[in-house]
Amino acid sequence: MNILLALIPLSFVLLLLAVWAFFWAVNHAQFDDLESPALSPLVDDRPSRPRAPESPPST
């Protein structure tokens, strides 16, 4: 029964911390664009160009 005296206040502190973190994330625009980060691995970093033919070594 004594453990409840520790766990109940601890759970309220964790709840307040989670609510604070959520509102911090909303205020710092963390949830503004939810689609672009999911598509970024699919985008090539640079366009692929055909390689120039290598010249033979000069002697």
Protein backbone atom coordinates (compact mmCIF):
# COMPACT_ATOMS: atom_id res chain seq x y z
CA MET A 1 0.00 0.00 0.00
CA ASN A 2 2.91 2.34 0.67
CA ILE A 3 4.11 2.01 -2.91
CA LEU A 4 0.96 3.81 -4.07
CA LEU A 5 2.14 6.88 -2.19
CA ALA A 6 5.14 6.97 -4.50
CA LEU A 7 3.62 5.74 -7.76
CA ILE A 8 0.60 8.06 -7.91
CA PRO A 9 2.62 11.30 -7.66
CA LEU A 10 5.22 9.85 -10.04
CA SER A 11 2.51 9.09 -12.59
CA PHE A 12 1.18 12.65 -12.34
CA VAL A 13 4.67 14.04 -12.87
CA LEU A 14 5.15 11.84 -15.94
CA LEU A 15 1.74 12.88 -17.26
CA LEU A 16 2.59 16.55 -16.86
CA LEU A 17 5.94 15.97 -18.56
CA ALA A 18 4.24 14.26 -21.52
CA VAL A 19 1.67 17.07 -21.86
CA TRP A 20 4.44 19.67 -21.70
CA ALA A 21 6.46 17.82 -24.37
CA PHE A 22 3.41 17.61 -26.64
CA PHE A 23 2.65 21.32 -26.40
CA TRP A 24 6.35 22.16 -26.86
CA ALA A 25 6.38 20.10 -30.06
CA VAL A 26 3.24 21.80 -31.35
CA ASN A 27 4.62 25.25 -30.62
CA HIS A 28 7.92 24.46 -32.35
CA ALA A 29 6.23 23.30 -35.59
CA GLN A 30 7.09 19.62 -35.20
CA PHE A 31 3.69 18.51 -36.55
CA ASP A 32 3.31 20.97 -39.44
CA ASP A 33 4.42 18.71 -42.28
CA LEU A 34 3.79 15.01 -41.69
CA GLU A 35 4.06 13.80 -45.29
CA SER A 36 7.37 15.16 -46.60
CA PRO A 37 9.66 13.33 -44.14
CA ALA A 38 8.07 10.02 -45.13
CA LEU A 39 8.75 10.71 -48.81
CA SER A 40 12.30 12.02 -48.46
CA PRO A 41 14.00 8.58 -48.65
CA LEU A 42 12.38 8.07 -52.04
CA VAL A 43 13.82 11.26 -53.56
CA ASP A 44 17.19 11.08 -55.28
CA ASP A 45 19.78 13.43 -53.88
CA ARG A 46 21.12 14.39 -57.27
CA PRO A 47 20.01 13.61 -60.79
CA SER A 48 21.85 10.75 -62.39
CA ARG A 49 23.77 11.66 -65.55
CA PRO A 50 25.50 9.29 -67.88
CA ARG A 51 29.20 9.06 -67.21
CA ALA A 52 31.57 10.49 -69.75
CA PRO A 53 33.62 7.86 -71.55
CA GLU A 54 37.07 7.48 -70.10
CA SER A 55 39.95 8.46 -72.29
CA PRO A 56 42.77 5.96 -72.75
CA PRO A 57 45.88 6.69 -70.72
CA SER A 58 48.39 8.80 -72.59
CA THR A 59 51.92 7.54 -72.92
